[in-house]
Structures are given as structure tokens and as C-alpha cells.
Amino acid sequence: MSYFDHEKLDVYQAAMELVILIETVIEALPRGRAYLADQLQRAGSSVPLNIAEGAGEYSQNEKIRFYRMAKRSATECAGILDICRCLSIIDENCYSKGRELLDGEFD
């Protein structure tokens, strides 16, 4: 049962899946990559939080502002996943699933 508007949004549900996936990615990162883990965790959690804030706004301009912030954070996540892939420190399945979530819901 949904109590808040954002919980009804498919993009919010995808963002929550992304947060779970990010935890899996972070757990598998090798030592010495804390900077990537921190950046990915912050950007990833920012996505659903900004969607929720935007959905709770009445002003269209404020909704748009929060949704833009969510999109920027999603784009940052894609960049971090790309870095992890280039450094060969991410499982290919996690990378593909992350990109699928980001490409499918945040375009």
C-alpha cells in the first residue's frame, strides 16, 4: 500500500532497485577504492531522495528542479559505473543491470 505519491512512480521503484544494486557493487569493490564507493553511494541515494522530494512538491518549477537533480545524480552513477568497468573492478552483470536501470528509467 502506497502512502506517498513518489511510491507510485515507476522511476522511484527503479531508483530503489539501483540503490540495492549499488550496495552489491560497493561490497565487491577492492580495497583502496573507498572514494568510488563513497561517491557512488552518495549519488545513488540522491536519486530516489530527489524523486521523492519532487513528487511531494506542489509547484511545477520545484518538481522539475528536484527531478533534474535526480537525473544528474543518475548520470553521475552511470559515470562511476563506467569508471569501475574501465578499471575492471565491477562484475559485468552488475554493470549491465545498473546501466539498464539508469538507461530505462532516467532518460
C-alpha atoms as a PDB file:
ATOM      1  CA  MET A   1       0.000   0.000   0.000  1.00  0.00           C
ATOM      2  CA  SER A   2       1.412   3.390  -1.013  1.00  0.00           C
ATOM      3  CA  TYR A   3       1.123   6.312   1.320  1.00  0.00           C
ATOM      4  CA  PHE A   4       3.107   8.852  -0.669  1.00  0.00           C
ATOM      5  CA  ASP A   5       2.917   9.937  -4.309  1.00  0.00           C
ATOM      6  CA  HIS A   6       6.545   9.037  -5.050  1.00  0.00           C
ATOM      7  CA  GLU A   7       5.974   5.400  -4.083  1.00  0.00           C
ATOM      8  CA  LYS A   8       3.615   5.048  -7.055  1.00  0.00           C
ATOM      9  CA  LEU A   9       6.214   6.159  -9.592  1.00  0.00           C
ATOM     10  CA  ASP A  10       7.977   3.506 -11.677  1.00  0.00           C
ATOM     11  CA  VAL A  11      11.084   5.677 -11.750  1.00  0.00           C
ATOM     12  CA  TYR A  12      11.148   5.712  -7.946  1.00  0.00           C
ATOM     13  CA  GLN A  13      10.900   1.917  -7.850  1.00  0.00           C
ATOM     14  CA  ALA A  14      13.784   1.672 -10.353  1.00  0.00           C
ATOM     15  CA  ALA A  15      15.803   4.109  -8.241  1.00  0.00           C
ATOM     16  CA  MET A  16      15.296   1.888  -5.213  1.00  0.00           C
ATOM     17  CA  GLU A  17      16.490  -1.111  -7.239  1.00  0.00           C
ATOM     18  CA  LEU A  18      19.524   0.969  -8.181  1.00  0.00           C
ATOM     19  CA  VAL A  19      20.288   1.644  -4.506  1.00  0.00           C
ATOM     20  CA  ILE A  20      20.222  -2.096  -3.787  1.00  0.00           C
ATOM     21  CA  LEU A  21      22.445  -2.818  -6.786  1.00  0.00           C
ATOM     22  CA  ILE A  22      24.892  -0.118  -5.694  1.00  0.00           C
ATOM     23  CA  GLU A  23      25.267  -1.827  -2.315  1.00  0.00           C
ATOM     24  CA  THR A  24      26.223  -5.031  -4.141  1.00  0.00           C
ATOM     25  CA  VAL A  25      28.764  -3.143  -6.268  1.00  0.00           C
ATOM     26  CA  ILE A  26      30.256  -1.384  -3.241  1.00  0.00           C
ATOM     27  CA  GLU A  27      30.632  -4.625  -1.292  1.00  0.00           C
ATOM     28  CA  ALA A  28      32.642  -6.110  -4.176  1.00  0.00           C
ATOM     29  CA  LEU A  29      34.978  -3.138  -4.686  1.00  0.00           C
ATOM     30  CA  PRO A  30      38.604  -3.870  -3.843  1.00  0.00           C
ATOM     31  CA  ARG A  31      40.423  -2.118  -1.018  1.00  0.00           C
ATOM     32  CA  GLY A  32      41.682   1.293  -1.929  1.00  0.00           C
ATOM     33  CA  ARG A  33      38.539   2.250  -3.846  1.00  0.00           C
ATOM     34  CA  ALA A  34      36.688   3.907  -0.973  1.00  0.00           C
ATOM     35  CA  TYR A  35      36.498   7.137  -2.963  1.00  0.00           C
ATOM     36  CA  LEU A  36      34.441   5.372  -5.650  1.00  0.00           C
ATOM     37  CA  ALA A  37      32.282   3.611  -3.076  1.00  0.00           C
ATOM     38  CA  ASP A  38      31.517   6.863  -1.274  1.00  0.00           C
ATOM     39  CA  GLN A  39      30.750   8.784  -4.457  1.00  0.00           C
ATOM     40  CA  LEU A  40      28.565   6.001  -5.852  1.00  0.00           C
ATOM     41  CA  GLN A  41      26.668   5.595  -2.594  1.00  0.00           C
ATOM     42  CA  ARG A  42      26.003   9.331  -2.280  1.00  0.00           C
ATOM     43  CA  ALA A  43      24.955   9.755  -5.916  1.00  0.00           C
ATOM     44  CA  GLY A  44      22.839   6.606  -5.819  1.00  0.00           C
ATOM     45  CA  SER A  45      20.925   7.534  -2.701  1.00  0.00           C
ATOM     46  CA  SER A  46      20.390  11.036  -4.075  1.00  0.00           C
ATOM     47  CA  VAL A  47      18.342   9.660  -6.961  1.00  0.00           C
ATOM     48  CA  PRO A  48      15.321   8.293  -5.032  1.00  0.00           C
ATOM     49  CA  LEU A  49      15.551  11.042  -2.422  1.00  0.00           C
ATOM     50  CA  ASN A  50      15.244  13.779  -5.037  1.00  0.00           C
ATOM     51  CA  ILE A  51      12.434  11.923  -6.807  1.00  0.00           C
ATOM     52  CA  ALA A  52      10.568  11.693  -3.503  1.00  0.00           C
ATOM     53  CA  GLU A  53      11.111  15.382  -2.771  1.00  0.00           C
ATOM     54  CA  GLY A  54       9.991  16.362  -6.258  1.00  0.00           C
ATOM     55  CA  ALA A  55       6.861  14.262  -6.057  1.00  0.00           C
ATOM     56  CA  GLY A  56       5.962  15.979  -2.813  1.00  0.00           C
ATOM     57  CA  GLU A  57       6.167  19.467  -4.282  1.00  0.00           C
ATOM     58  CA  TYR A  58       3.102  21.373  -5.451  1.00  0.00           C
ATOM     59  CA  SER A  59       4.985  23.930  -7.528  1.00  0.00           C
ATOM     60  CA  GLN A  60       5.750  22.626 -11.023  1.00  0.00           C
ATOM     61  CA  ASN A  61       9.052  24.521 -11.061  1.00  0.00           C
ATOM     62  CA  GLU A  62      10.118  22.889  -7.799  1.00  0.00           C
ATOM     63  CA  LYS A  63       9.095  19.439  -9.071  1.00  0.00           C
ATOM     64  CA  ILE A  64      11.213  19.988 -12.165  1.00  0.00           C
ATOM     65  CA  ARG A  65      14.171  21.186 -10.094  1.00  0.00           C
ATOM     66  CA  PHE A  66      14.180  18.066  -7.907  1.00  0.00           C
ATOM     67  CA  TYR A  67      13.681  15.750 -10.897  1.00  0.00           C
ATOM     68  CA  ARG A  68      16.625  17.412 -12.647  1.00  0.00           C
ATOM     69  CA  MET A  69      18.777  16.807  -9.567  1.00  0.00           C
ATOM     70  CA  ALA A  70      17.719  13.146  -9.615  1.00  0.00           C
ATOM     71  CA  LYS A  71      18.644  12.911 -13.302  1.00  0.00           C
ATOM     72  CA  ARG A  72      22.051  14.486 -12.654  1.00  0.00           C
ATOM     73  CA  SER A  73      22.711  12.026  -9.847  1.00  0.00           C
ATOM     74  CA  ALA A  74      21.648   9.142 -12.093  1.00  0.00           C
ATOM     75  CA  THR A  75      24.073  10.391 -14.744  1.00  0.00           C
ATOM     76  CA  GLU A  76      26.815  10.567 -12.115  1.00  0.00           C
ATOM     77  CA  CYS A  77      26.078   6.943 -11.170  1.00  0.00           C
ATOM     78  CA  ALA A  78      26.434   5.937 -14.823  1.00  0.00           C
ATOM     79  CA  GLY A  79      29.811   7.669 -14.962  1.00  0.00           C
ATOM     80  CA  ILE A  80      31.021   5.938 -11.814  1.00  0.00           C
ATOM     81  CA  LEU A  81      29.884   2.566 -13.144  1.00  0.00           C
ATOM     82  CA  ASP A  82      31.826   3.330 -16.345  1.00  0.00           C
ATOM     83  CA  ILE A  83      34.945   4.090 -14.294  1.00  0.00           C
ATOM     84  CA  CYS A  84      34.546   0.833 -12.407  1.00  0.00           C
ATOM     85  CA  ARG A  85      34.199  -1.031 -15.674  1.00  0.00           C
ATOM     86  CA  CYS A  86      37.267   0.628 -17.184  1.00  0.00           C
ATOM     87  CA  LEU A  87      39.250  -0.323 -14.081  1.00  0.00           C
ATOM     88  CA  SER A  88      37.855  -3.896 -14.281  1.00  0.00           C
ATOM     89  CA  ILE A  89      36.578  -3.714 -10.712  1.00  0.00           C
ATOM     90  CA  ILE A  90      32.895  -4.347 -11.349  1.00  0.00           C
ATOM     91  CA  ASP A  91      31.128  -7.541 -12.250  1.00  0.00           C
ATOM     92  CA  GLU A  92      29.845  -7.285 -15.819  1.00  0.00           C
ATOM     93  CA  ASN A  93      26.353  -8.397 -14.782  1.00  0.00           C
ATOM     94  CA  CYS A  94      26.171  -5.651 -12.133  1.00  0.00           C
ATOM     95  CA  TYR A  95      27.401  -3.122 -14.654  1.00  0.00           C
ATOM     96  CA  SER A  96      24.805  -4.189 -17.223  1.00  0.00           C
ATOM     97  CA  LYS A  97      21.983  -4.204 -14.673  1.00  0.00           C
ATOM     98  CA  GLY A  98      22.994  -0.755 -13.429  1.00  0.00           C
ATOM     99  CA  ARG A  99      23.093   0.664 -16.931  1.00  0.00           C
ATOM    100  CA  GLU A 100      19.748  -0.979 -17.726  1.00  0.00           C
ATOM    101  CA  LEU A 101      18.143   0.651 -14.687  1.00  0.00           C
ATOM    102  CA  LEU A 102      19.682   4.017 -15.494  1.00  0.00           C
ATOM    103  CA  ASP A 103      19.019   3.937 -19.242  1.00  0.00           C
ATOM    104  CA  GLY A 104      15.474   2.626 -18.902  1.00  0.00           C
ATOM    105  CA  GLU A 105      14.071   4.905 -16.231  1.00  0.00           C
ATOM    106  CA  PHE A 106      16.084   8.093 -16.157  1.00  0.00           C
ATOM    107  CA  ASP A 107      16.099   9.141 -19.811  1.00  0.00           C
END
